[in-house]
PDB file of N, CA and C in Angstrom:
ATOM      1  N   MET A   1      51.218  31.142 315.370  1.00  0.00           N
ATOM      2  CA  MET A   1      51.862  29.744 316.426  1.00  0.00           C
ATOM      3  C   MET A   1      53.182  29.445 315.821  1.00  0.00           C
ATOM      4  N   LEU A   2      53.451  29.844 314.784  1.00  0.00           N
ATOM      5  CA  LEU A   2      55.099  28.720 314.852  1.00  0.00           C
ATOM      6  C   LEU A   2      55.750  30.069 315.594  1.00  0.00           C
ATOM      7  N   ASP A   3      55.396  31.280 315.352  1.00  0.00           N
ATOM      8  CA  ASP A   3      56.329  32.453 315.698  1.00  0.00           C
ATOM      9  C   ASP A   3      56.428  32.150 317.480  1.00  0.00           C
ATOM     10  N   LYS A   4      55.423  31.300 317.643  1.00  0.00           N
ATOM     11  CA  LYS A   4      55.080  31.183 319.460  1.00  0.00           C
ATOM     12  C   LYS A   4      56.181  30.200 319.622  1.00  0.00           C
ATOM     13  N   ILE A   5      56.343  29.146 318.892  1.00  0.00           N
ATOM     14  CA  ILE A   5      57.204  28.246 319.073  1.00  0.00           C
ATOM     15  C   ILE A   5      58.330  28.224 318.869  1.00  0.00           C
ATOM     16  N   GLN A   6      58.610  29.196 318.249  1.00  0.00           N
ATOM     17  CA  GLN A   6      60.266  30.038 318.020  1.00  0.00           C
ATOM     18  C   GLN A   6      61.064  30.593 319.039  1.00  0.00           C
ATOM     19  N   GLU A   7      59.570  31.181 319.628  1.00  0.00           N
ATOM     20  CA  GLU A   7      60.238  32.136 320.887  1.00  0.00           C
ATOM     21  C   GLU A   7      60.451  30.876 322.072  1.00  0.00           C
ATOM     22  N   GLU A   8      59.156  30.031 322.114  1.00  0.00           N
ATOM     23  CA  GLU A   8      59.367  29.187 323.465  1.00  0.00           C
ATOM     24  C   GLU A   8      61.095  28.262 323.208  1.00  0.00           C
ATOM     25  N   SER A   9      60.998  28.046 322.097  1.00  0.00           N
ATOM     26  CA  SER A   9      62.645  27.379 321.683  1.00  0.00           C
ATOM     27  C   SER A   9      63.565  28.263 321.732  1.00  0.00           C
ATOM     28  N   ALA A  10      63.539  29.365 321.560  1.00  0.00           N
ATOM     29  CA  ALA A  10      64.714  30.339 322.096  1.00  0.00           C
ATOM     30  C   ALA A  10      64.961  30.642 323.471  1.00  0.00           C
ATOM     31  N   GLU A  11      63.708  30.702 324.228  1.00  0.00           N
ATOM     32  CA  GLU A  11      63.881  30.930 325.635  1.00  0.00           C
ATOM     33  C   GLU A  11      64.493  29.404 326.277  1.00  0.00           C
ATOM     34  N   LEU A  12      63.978  28.365 325.973  1.00  0.00           N
ATOM     35  CA  LEU A  12      64.484  27.363 326.475  1.00  0.00           C
ATOM     36  C   LEU A  12      66.055  27.371 326.240  1.00  0.00           C
ATOM     37  N   LEU A  13      66.459  27.333 324.887  1.00  0.00           N
ATOM     38  CA  LEU A  13      67.846  27.413 324.231  1.00  0.00           C
ATOM     39  C   LEU A  13      68.582  28.304 325.465  1.00  0.00           C
ATOM     40  N   HIS A  14      68.138  29.676 325.642  1.00  0.00           N
ATOM     41  CA  HIS A  14      68.975  30.558 326.378  1.00  0.00           C
ATOM     42  C   HIS A  14      68.914  29.952 327.720  1.00  0.00           C
ATOM     43  N   GLU A  15      68.005  29.188 328.625  1.00  0.00           N
ATOM     44  CA  GLU A  15      68.079  28.546 329.803  1.00  0.00           C
ATOM     45  C   GLU A  15      69.090  27.404 329.819  1.00  0.00           C
ATOM     46  N   VAL A  16      69.223  26.422 329.110  1.00  0.00           N
ATOM     47  CA  VAL A  16      70.226  25.553 328.924  1.00  0.00           C
ATOM     48  C   VAL A  16      71.437  26.439 328.428  1.00  0.00           C
ATOM     49  N   GLU A  17      71.936  27.397 327.741  1.00  0.00           N
ATOM     50  CA  GLU A  17      72.942  27.761 327.353  1.00  0.00           C
ATOM     51  C   GLU A  17      73.724  28.815 328.601  1.00  0.00           C
ATOM     52  N   ASN A  18      72.920  29.026 329.495  1.00  0.00           N
ATOM     53  CA  ASN A  18      73.005  29.993 330.449  1.00  0.00           C
ATOM     54  C   ASN A  18      73.025  29.635 331.999  1.00  0.00           C
ATOM     55  N   GLY A  19      73.739  28.340 332.235  1.00  0.00           N
ATOM     56  CA  GLY A  19      73.543  27.943 333.670  1.00  0.00           C
ATOM     57  C   GLY A  19      72.600  26.532 333.835  1.00  0.00           C
ATOM     58  N   MET A  20      71.189  26.734 333.183  1.00  0.00           N
ATOM     59  CA  MET A  20      70.567  25.742 333.305  1.00  0.00           C
ATOM     60  C   MET A  20      69.996  25.588 334.766  1.00  0.00           C
ATOM     61  N   ASP A  21      69.326  26.619 335.040  1.00  0.00           N
ATOM     62  CA  ASP A  21      69.037  26.900 336.505  1.00  0.00           C
ATOM     63  C   ASP A  21      67.714  25.651 336.175  1.00  0.00           C
ATOM     64  N   GLU A  22      67.548  24.566 337.051  1.00  0.00           N
ATOM     65  CA  GLU A  22      66.795  23.373 336.607  1.00  0.00           C
ATOM     66  C   GLU A  22      65.185  23.747 336.748  1.00  0.00           C
ATOM     67  N   ALA A  23      64.845  24.437 337.930  1.00  0.00           N
ATOM     68  CA  ALA A  23      63.237  24.952 338.068  1.00  0.00           C
ATOM     69  C   ALA A  23      63.035  25.990 336.674  1.00  0.00           C
ATOM     70  N   ARG A  24      63.551  26.499 336.739  1.00  0.00           N
ATOM     71  CA  ARG A  24      63.515  27.734 335.193  1.00  0.00           C
ATOM     72  C   ARG A  24      63.328  26.534 333.601  1.00  0.00           C
ATOM     73  N   THR A  25      64.722  26.006 333.737  1.00  0.00           N
ATOM     74  CA  THR A  25      64.475  25.090 332.476  1.00  0.00           C
ATOM     75  C   THR A  25      63.618  24.276 332.478  1.00  0.00           C
ATOM     76  N   LYS A  26      62.878  23.599 333.208  1.00  0.00           N
ATOM     77  CA  LYS A  26      62.008  22.684 333.530  1.00  0.00           C
ATOM     78  C   LYS A  26      60.750  23.719 332.745  1.00  0.00           C
ATOM     79  N   GLU A  27      60.271  24.861 333.702  1.00  0.00           N
ATOM     80  CA  GLU A  27      59.512  25.653 333.235  1.00  0.00           C
ATOM     81  C   GLU A  27      59.319  25.870 331.746  1.00  0.00           C
ATOM     82  N   GLU A  28      60.575  26.331 331.462  1.00  0.00           N
ATOM     83  CA  GLU A  28      60.639  26.773 329.609  1.00  0.00           C
ATOM     84  C   GLU A  28      60.158  25.632 328.882  1.00  0.00           C
ATOM     85  N   PHE A  29      60.856  24.308 329.335  1.00  0.00           N
ATOM     86  CA  PHE A  29      60.182  23.262 328.479  1.00  0.00           C
ATOM     87  C   PHE A  29      59.133  22.867 328.384  1.00  0.00           C
ATOM     88  N   GLY A  30      58.331  22.968 329.938  1.00  0.00           N
ATOM     89  CA  GLY A  30      57.064  22.872 329.411  1.00  0.00           C
ATOM     90  C   GLY A  30      56.072  24.070 329.040  1.00  0.00           C
ATOM     91  N   ASP A  31      56.735  25.364 328.828  1.00  0.00           N
ATOM     92  CA  ASP A  31      56.203  25.948 328.155  1.00  0.00           C
ATOM     93  C   ASP A  31      56.203  25.605 326.579  1.00  0.00           C
ATOM     94  N   LEU A  32      57.291  25.072 326.176  1.00  0.00           N
ATOM     95  CA  LEU A  32      57.161  24.738 324.722  1.00  0.00           C
ATOM     96  C   LEU A  32      56.170  23.493 324.772  1.00  0.00           C
ATOM     97  N   LEU A  33      56.347  22.830 325.075  1.00  0.00           N
ATOM     98  CA  LEU A  33      55.367  21.581 325.138  1.00  0.00           C
ATOM     99  C   LEU A  33      53.793  22.232 325.081  1.00  0.00           C
ATOM    100  N   PHE A  34      53.674  23.250 325.432  1.00  0.00           N
ATOM    101  CA  PHE A  34      52.550  23.672 326.179  1.00  0.00           C
ATOM    102  C   PHE A  34      51.695  24.024 324.325  1.00  0.00           C
ATOM    103  N   VAL A  35      52.686  25.079 323.785  1.00  0.00           N
ATOM    104  CA  VAL A  35      52.706  25.775 322.698  1.00  0.00           C
ATOM    105  C   VAL A  35      52.563  24.354 321.974  1.00  0.00           C
ATOM    106  N   MET A  36      53.109  23.575 321.656  1.00  0.00           N
ATOM    107  CA  MET A  36      53.407  22.153 320.974  1.00  0.00           C
ATOM    108  C   MET A  36      51.855  21.448 320.630  1.00  0.00           C
ATOM    109  N   ALA A  37      51.672  21.491 322.081  1.00  0.00           N
ATOM    110  CA  ALA A  37      50.327  20.741 322.149  1.00  0.00           C
ATOM    111  C   ALA A  37      48.742  21.531 321.724  1.00  0.00           C
ATOM    112  N   ASN A  38      48.973  23.334 321.363  1.00  0.00           N
ATOM    113  CA  ASN A  38      48.088  23.450 321.194  1.00  0.00           C
ATOM    114  C   ASN A  38      48.187  23.581 319.685  1.00  0.00           C
ATOM    115  N   LEU A  39      49.423  23.442 319.424  1.00  0.00           N
ATOM    116  CA  LEU A  39      49.668  23.268 317.608  1.00  0.00           C
ATOM    117  C   LEU A  39      48.825  22.508 317.063  1.00  0.00           C
ATOM    118  N   ALA A  40      49.022  21.324 317.802  1.00  0.00           N
ATOM    119  CA  ALA A  40      48.419  19.821 317.745  1.00  0.00           C
ATOM    120  C   ALA A  40      46.846  19.886 317.455  1.00  0.00           C
ATOM    121  N   ARG A  41      46.805  20.747 318.457  1.00  0.00           N
ATOM    122  CA  ARG A  41      44.870  21.090 318.882  1.00  0.00           C
ATOM    123  C   ARG A  41      44.669  21.743 317.360  1.00  0.00           C
ATOM    124  N   HIS A  42      45.192  22.674 317.037  1.00  0.00           N
ATOM    125  CA  HIS A  42      45.454  23.669 316.011  1.00  0.00           C
ATOM    126  C   HIS A  42      44.561  22.750 314.665  1.00  0.00           C
ATOM    127  N   PHE A  43      45.783  21.992 314.449  1.00  0.00           N
ATOM    128  CA  PHE A  43      45.685  20.851 313.304  1.00  0.00           C
ATOM    129  C   PHE A  43      44.623  19.827 313.405  1.00  0.00           C
ATOM    130  N   LYS A  44      43.977  20.090 314.703  1.00  0.00           N
ATOM    131  CA  LYS A  44      42.727  18.784 314.959  1.00  0.00           C
ATOM    132  C   LYS A  44      43.339  17.145 314.913  1.00  0.00           C
ATOM    133  N   ILE A  45      44.892  17.658 315.893  1.00  0.00           N
ATOM    134  CA  ILE A  45      45.608  16.211 316.076  1.00  0.00           C
ATOM    135  C   ILE A  45      45.467  16.084 317.581  1.00  0.00           C
ATOM    136  N   ASP A  46      45.524  14.634 317.999  1.00  0.00           N
ATOM    137  CA  ASP A  46      45.576  14.788 319.515  1.00  0.00           C
ATOM    138  C   ASP A  46      46.947  14.415 320.057  1.00  0.00           C
ATOM    139  N   PRO A  47      47.589  15.572 320.697  1.00  0.00           N
ATOM    140  CA  PRO A  47      48.770  15.273 320.752  1.00  0.00           C
ATOM    141  C   PRO A  47      49.554  14.004 321.332  1.00  0.00           C
ATOM    142  N   GLU A  48      48.264  13.492 322.343  1.00  0.00           N
ATOM    143  CA  GLU A  48      48.825  12.523 323.567  1.00  0.00           C
ATOM    144  C   GLU A  48      49.299  11.181 322.556  1.00  0.00           C
ATOM    145  N   GLU A  49      47.927  11.395 321.533  1.00  0.00           N
ATOM    146  CA  GLU A  49      48.099  10.045 320.258  1.00  0.00           C
ATOM    147  C   GLU A  49      49.923  10.002 319.615  1.00  0.00           C
ATOM    148  N   SER A  50      49.794  11.783 319.073  1.00  0.00           N
ATOM    149  CA  SER A  50      51.259  11.664 318.337  1.00  0.00           C
ATOM    150  C   SER A  50      52.200  11.266 319.393  1.00  0.00           C
ATOM    151  N   LEU A  51      52.194  11.409 320.426  1.00  0.00           N
ATOM    152  CA  LEU A  51      53.750  11.184 321.239  1.00  0.00           C
ATOM    153  C   LEU A  51      53.785   9.638 321.225  1.00  0.00           C
ATOM    154  N   ARG A  52      52.685   8.939 321.790  1.00  0.00           N
ATOM    155  CA  ARG A  52      52.554   7.594 321.787  1.00  0.00           C
ATOM    156  C   ARG A  52      52.971   7.295 320.313  1.00  0.00           C
ATOM    157  N   LEU A  53      52.442   7.259 319.311  1.00  0.00           N
ATOM    158  CA  LEU A  53      52.888   7.142 317.909  1.00  0.00           C
ATOM    159  C   LEU A  53      54.583   7.511 317.877  1.00  0.00           C
ATOM    160  N   ALA A  54      55.130   8.580 318.158  1.00  0.00           N
ATOM    161  CA  ALA A  54      56.434   8.480 317.751  1.00  0.00           C
ATOM    162  C   ALA A  54      57.091   7.860 318.825  1.00  0.00           C
ATOM    163  N   ASN A  55      56.736   7.837 319.798  1.00  0.00           N
ATOM    164  CA  ASN A  55      57.019   6.802 321.048  1.00  0.00           C
ATOM    165  C   ASN A  55      57.637   5.211 320.304  1.00  0.00           C
ATOM    166  N   ALA A  56      56.772   4.931 319.634  1.00  0.00           N
ATOM    167  CA  ALA A  56      56.410   3.761 318.871  1.00  0.00           C
ATOM    168  C   ALA A  56      57.212   3.652 317.452  1.00  0.00           C
ATOM    169  N   LYS A  57      57.611   4.654 316.859  1.00  0.00           N
ATOM    170  CA  LYS A  57      58.213   4.333 316.217  1.00  0.00           C
ATOM    171  C   LYS A  57      59.980   4.496 316.860  1.00  0.00           C
ATOM    172  N   PHE A  58      60.253   4.992 317.658  1.00  0.00           N
ATOM    173  CA  PHE A  58      61.385   4.959 318.011  1.00  0.00           C
ATOM    174  C   PHE A  58      61.655   3.935 318.746  1.00  0.00           C
ATOM    175  N   GLU A  59      60.997   3.046 319.549  1.00  0.00           N
ATOM    176  CA  GLU A  59      61.246   1.573 319.679  1.00  0.00           C
ATOM    177  C   GLU A  59      61.684   1.020 318.761  1.00  0.00           C
ATOM    178  N   ARG A  60      60.269   0.749 317.712  1.00  0.00           N
ATOM    179  CA  ARG A  60      60.701   0.013 316.600  1.00  0.00           C
ATOM    180  C   ARG A  60      62.066  -0.216 315.819  1.00  0.00           C
ATOM    181  N   ARG A  61      62.535   1.575 315.595  1.00  0.00           N
ATOM    182  CA  ARG A  61      63.865   1.581 314.909  1.00  0.00           C
ATOM    183  C   ARG A  61      64.798   1.265 315.866  1.00  0.00           C
ATOM    184  N   PHE A  62      64.696   1.495 317.397  1.00  0.00           N
ATOM    185  CA  PHE A  62      65.739   1.052 318.315  1.00  0.00           C
ATOM    186  C   PHE A  62      66.082  -0.236 318.408  1.00  0.00           C
ATOM    187  N   HIS A  63      64.549  -0.896 317.933  1.00  0.00           N
ATOM    188  CA  HIS A  63      65.158  -2.899 317.930  1.00  0.00           C
ATOM    189  C   HIS A  63      65.427  -3.325 316.705  1.00  0.00           C
ATOM    190  N   GLY A  64      65.324  -2.346 315.564  1.00  0.00           N
ATOM    191  CA  GLY A  64      66.099  -2.211 314.324  1.00  0.00           C
ATOM    192  C   GLY A  64      67.908  -2.104 314.704  1.00  0.00           C
ATOM    193  N   VAL A  65      67.931  -1.178 315.047  1.00  0.00           N
ATOM    194  CA  VAL A  65      69.727  -0.949 315.505  1.00  0.00           C
ATOM    195  C   VAL A  65      69.887  -2.128 316.067  1.00  0.00           C
ATOM    196  N   GLU A  66      69.162  -2.585 317.251  1.00  0.00           N
ATOM    197  CA  GLU A  66      69.820  -3.603 318.262  1.00  0.00           C
ATOM    198  C   GLU A  66      69.415  -4.842 317.015  1.00  0.00           C
ATOM    199  N   ALA A  67      68.914  -5.107 316.178  1.00  0.00           N
ATOM    200  CA  ALA A  67      69.131  -6.288 315.309  1.00  0.00           C
ATOM    201  C   ALA A  67      70.030  -6.075 314.395  1.00  0.00           C
ATOM    202  N   LEU A  68      70.242  -4.942 313.914  1.00  0.00           N
ATOM    203  CA  LEU A  68      71.849  -4.870 312.856  1.00  0.00           C
ATOM    204  C   LEU A  68      72.934  -5.210 313.953  1.00  0.00           C
ATOM    205  N   LEU A  69      73.013  -4.374 314.868  1.00  0.00           N
ATOM    206  CA  LEU A  69      74.113  -4.692 315.850  1.00  0.00           C
ATOM    207  C   LEU A  69      74.166  -6.186 316.195  1.00  0.00           C
ATOM    208  N   ALA A  70      73.554  -6.924 316.610  1.00  0.00           N
ATOM    209  CA  ALA A  70      73.231  -8.268 316.872  1.00  0.00           C
ATOM    210  C   ALA A  70      73.624  -9.441 315.329  1.00  0.00           C
ATOM    211  N   GLU A  71      73.519  -8.983 314.220  1.00  0.00           N
ATOM    212  CA  GLU A  71      74.101  -9.016 313.221  1.00  0.00           C
ATOM    213  C   GLU A  71      75.436  -9.357 313.439  1.00  0.00           C
ATOM    214  N   LYS A  72      76.270  -7.906 314.169  1.00  0.00           N
ATOM    215  CA  LYS A  72      77.579  -8.126 313.984  1.00  0.00           C
ATOM    216  C   LYS A  72      78.068  -8.870 315.167  1.00  0.00           C
ATOM    217  N   GLY A  73      77.625  -9.149 316.038  1.00  0.00           N
ATOM    218  CA  GLY A  73      77.858  -9.989 317.239  1.00  0.00           C
ATOM    219  C   GLY A  73      78.115  -8.838 318.026  1.00  0.00           C
ATOM    220  N   LYS A  74      77.268  -7.759 318.302  1.00  0.00           N
ATOM    221  CA  LYS A  74      77.199  -6.589 319.084  1.00  0.00           C
ATOM    222  C   LYS A  74      76.050  -6.315 320.021  1.00  0.00           C
ATOM    223  N   ARG A  75      75.833  -5.388 320.613  1.00  0.00           N
ATOM    224  CA  ARG A  75      75.265  -4.932 321.674  1.00  0.00           C
ATOM    225  C   ARG A  75      75.226  -3.087 321.554  1.00  0.00           C
ATOM    226  N   PRO A  76      74.531  -2.172 321.799  1.00  0.00           N
ATOM    227  CA  PRO A  76      74.715  -0.931 322.216  1.00  0.00           C
ATOM    228  C   PRO A  76      75.199  -0.639 323.046  1.00  0.00           C
ATOM    229  N   GLU A  77      75.368  -1.335 323.889  1.00  0.00           N
ATOM    230  CA  GLU A  77      76.428  -0.649 325.037  1.00  0.00           C
ATOM    231  C   GLU A  77      78.103  -0.891 324.410  1.00  0.00           C
ATOM    232  N   SER A  78      78.124  -1.811 323.435  1.00  0.00           N
ATOM    233  CA  SER A  78      79.441  -2.036 323.134  1.00  0.00           C
ATOM    234  C   SER A  78      79.830  -1.269 321.652  1.00  0.00           C
ATOM    235  N   SER A  79      79.046  -0.284 321.425  1.00  0.00           N
ATOM    236  CA  SER A  79      78.747   0.416 320.090  1.00  0.00           C
ATOM    237  C   SER A  79      79.082   2.118 320.229  1.00  0.00           C
ATOM    238  N   ASN A  80      79.263   3.146 319.525  1.00  0.00           N
ATOM    239  CA  ASN A  80      79.277   4.000 319.719  1.00  0.00           C
ATOM    240  C   ASN A  80      77.939   4.685 319.025  1.00  0.00           C
ATOM    241  N   LEU A  81      78.118   6.009 319.113  1.00  0.00           N
ATOM    242  CA  LEU A  81      77.103   7.151 318.518  1.00  0.00           C
ATOM    243  C   LEU A  81      77.205   7.220 317.318  1.00  0.00           C
ATOM    244  N   GLU A  82      78.302   6.857 316.622  1.00  0.00           N
ATOM    245  CA  GLU A  82      78.513   7.082 315.456  1.00  0.00           C
ATOM    246  C   GLU A  82      78.302   5.895 314.438  1.00  0.00           C
ATOM    247  N   GLU A  83      78.257   4.937 314.903  1.00  0.00           N
ATOM    248  CA  GLU A  83      78.163   3.832 314.703  1.00  0.00           C
ATOM    249  C   GLU A  83      76.052   3.662 314.715  1.00  0.00           C
ATOM    250  N   MET A  84      75.611   3.825 315.676  1.00  0.00           N
ATOM    251  CA  MET A  84      74.053   3.638 315.703  1.00  0.00           C
ATOM    252  C   MET A  84      73.439   4.909 315.256  1.00  0.00           C
ATOM    253  N   ASP A  85      74.255   5.819 314.864  1.00  0.00           N
ATOM    254  CA  ASP A  85      73.667   6.561 314.405  1.00  0.00           C
ATOM    255  C   ASP A  85      73.520   6.092 312.829  1.00  0.00           C
ATOM    256  N   ALA A  86      74.340   5.615 312.352  1.00  0.00           N
ATOM    257  CA  ALA A  86      74.438   5.104 311.139  1.00  0.00           C
ATOM    258  C   ALA A  86      73.582   4.261 310.794  1.00  0.00           C
ATOM    259  N   LEU A  87      73.221   3.168 311.864  1.00  0.00           N
ATOM    260  CA  LEU A  87      72.280   1.818 311.442  1.00  0.00           C
ATOM    261  C   LEU A  87      71.229   2.820 311.887  1.00  0.00           C
ATOM    262  N   TRP A  88      70.817   3.952 312.716  1.00  0.00           N
ATOM    263  CA  TRP A  88      69.505   4.453 312.804  1.00  0.00           C
ATOM    264  C   TRP A  88      69.282   5.005 311.327  1.00  0.00           C
ATOM    265  N   ASP A  89      69.849   5.398 310.851  1.00  0.00           N
ATOM    266  CA  ASP A  89      69.514   5.790 309.295  1.00  0.00           C
ATOM    267  C   ASP A  89      69.466   4.518 308.178  1.00  0.00           C
ATOM    268  N   ALA A  90      70.145   3.845 308.365  1.00  0.00           N
ATOM    269  CA  ALA A  90      69.997   2.399 307.901  1.00  0.00           C
ATOM    270  C   ALA A  90      68.419   1.995 308.080  1.00  0.00           C
ATOM    271  N   VAL A  91      67.682   1.961 309.096  1.00  0.00           N
ATOM    272  CA  VAL A  91      66.727   1.352 309.395  1.00  0.00           C
ATOM    273  C   VAL A  91      65.821   2.529 308.933  1.00  0.00           C
ATOM    274  N   LYS A  92      65.965   3.635 308.945  1.00  0.00           N
ATOM    275  CA  LYS A  92      64.688   4.707 308.745  1.00  0.00           C
ATOM    276  C   LYS A  92      64.725   4.280 307.252  1.00  0.00           C
ATOM    277  N   ALA A  93      65.776   4.264 306.618  1.00  0.00           N
ATOM    278  CA  ALA A  93      65.902   4.302 304.853  1.00  0.00           C
ATOM    279  C   ALA A  93      64.830   2.908 304.667  1.00  0.00           C
ATOM    280  N   LEU A  94      65.353   2.075 305.226  1.00  0.00           N
ATOM    281  CA  LEU A  94      64.506   0.982 304.644  1.00  0.00           C
ATOM    282  C   LEU A  94      63.155   0.879 305.211  1.00  0.00           C
ATOM    283  N   GLU A  95      62.671   1.708 306.232  1.00  0.00           N
ATOM    284  CA  GLU A  95      61.299   1.558 306.898  1.00  0.00           C
ATOM    285  C   GLU A  95      60.596   2.373 305.539  1.00  0.00           C
ATOM    286  N   LYS A  96      61.478   3.718 305.224  1.00  0.00           N
ATOM    287  CA  LYS A  96      60.496   4.334 303.956  1.00  0.00           C
ATOM    288  C   LYS A  96      60.697   3.800 302.502  1.00  0.00           C
ATOM    289  N   LYS A  97      61.391   2.710 302.412  1.00  0.00           N
ATOM    290  CA  LYS A  97      61.456   2.379 301.110  1.00  0.00           C
ATOM    291  C   LYS A  97      60.364   1.062 301.319  1.00  0.00           C
ATOM    292  N   THR A  98      60.464   0.524 302.337  1.00  0.00           N
ATOM    293  CA  THR A  98      59.254  -0.344 302.639  1.00  0.00           C
ATOM    294  C   THR A  98      57.779   0.130 302.481  1.00  0.00           C
ATOM    295  N   LYS A  99      57.449   0.968 302.673  1.00  0.00           N
ATOM    296  CA  LYS A  99      56.377   1.808 302.964  1.00  0.00           C
ATOM    297  C   LYS A  99      55.857   2.387 301.615  1.00  0.00           C
ATOM    298  N   SER A 100      57.018   2.583 300.821  1.00  0.00           N
ATOM    299  CA  SER A 100      56.740   3.365 299.284  1.00  0.00           C
ATOM    300  C   SER A 100      56.734   2.048 298.361  1.00  0.00           C
ATOM    301  N   GLY A 101      57.003   1.050 298.814  1.00  0.00           N
ATOM    302  CA  GLY A 101      56.507  -0.401 298.140  1.00  0.00           C
ATOM    303  C   GLY A 101      57.861  -0.613 297.324  1.00  0.00           C
ATOM    304  N   ILE A 102      59.018   0.112 297.507  1.00  0.00           N
ATOM    305  CA  ILE A 102      60.285  -0.342 296.499  1.00  0.00           C
ATOM    306  C   ILE A 102      60.774  -1.419 296.535  1.00  0.00           C
TER     307      ILE A 102
END
């Protein structure tokens, strides 16, 4: 199954790198999502629940980035990608530290 994920990823990347025909790119992206959903089922994981959890984690971390920016008197639109990536990493590290009880 992991080989199939690599195959579908390569096909999607090929479409993106070679002109991005919108319909074909969407089709390849859908194929990759389908394979990922099958992998989840193989591991007895509900793929929709996993996506909801990932979305919640993203929102939680992004709110953390916004809070750190606010401490500097800034907002995301007044920041740049480099700064936001660094803050993202800080929020992520803090979450891991908190979870491990350190």
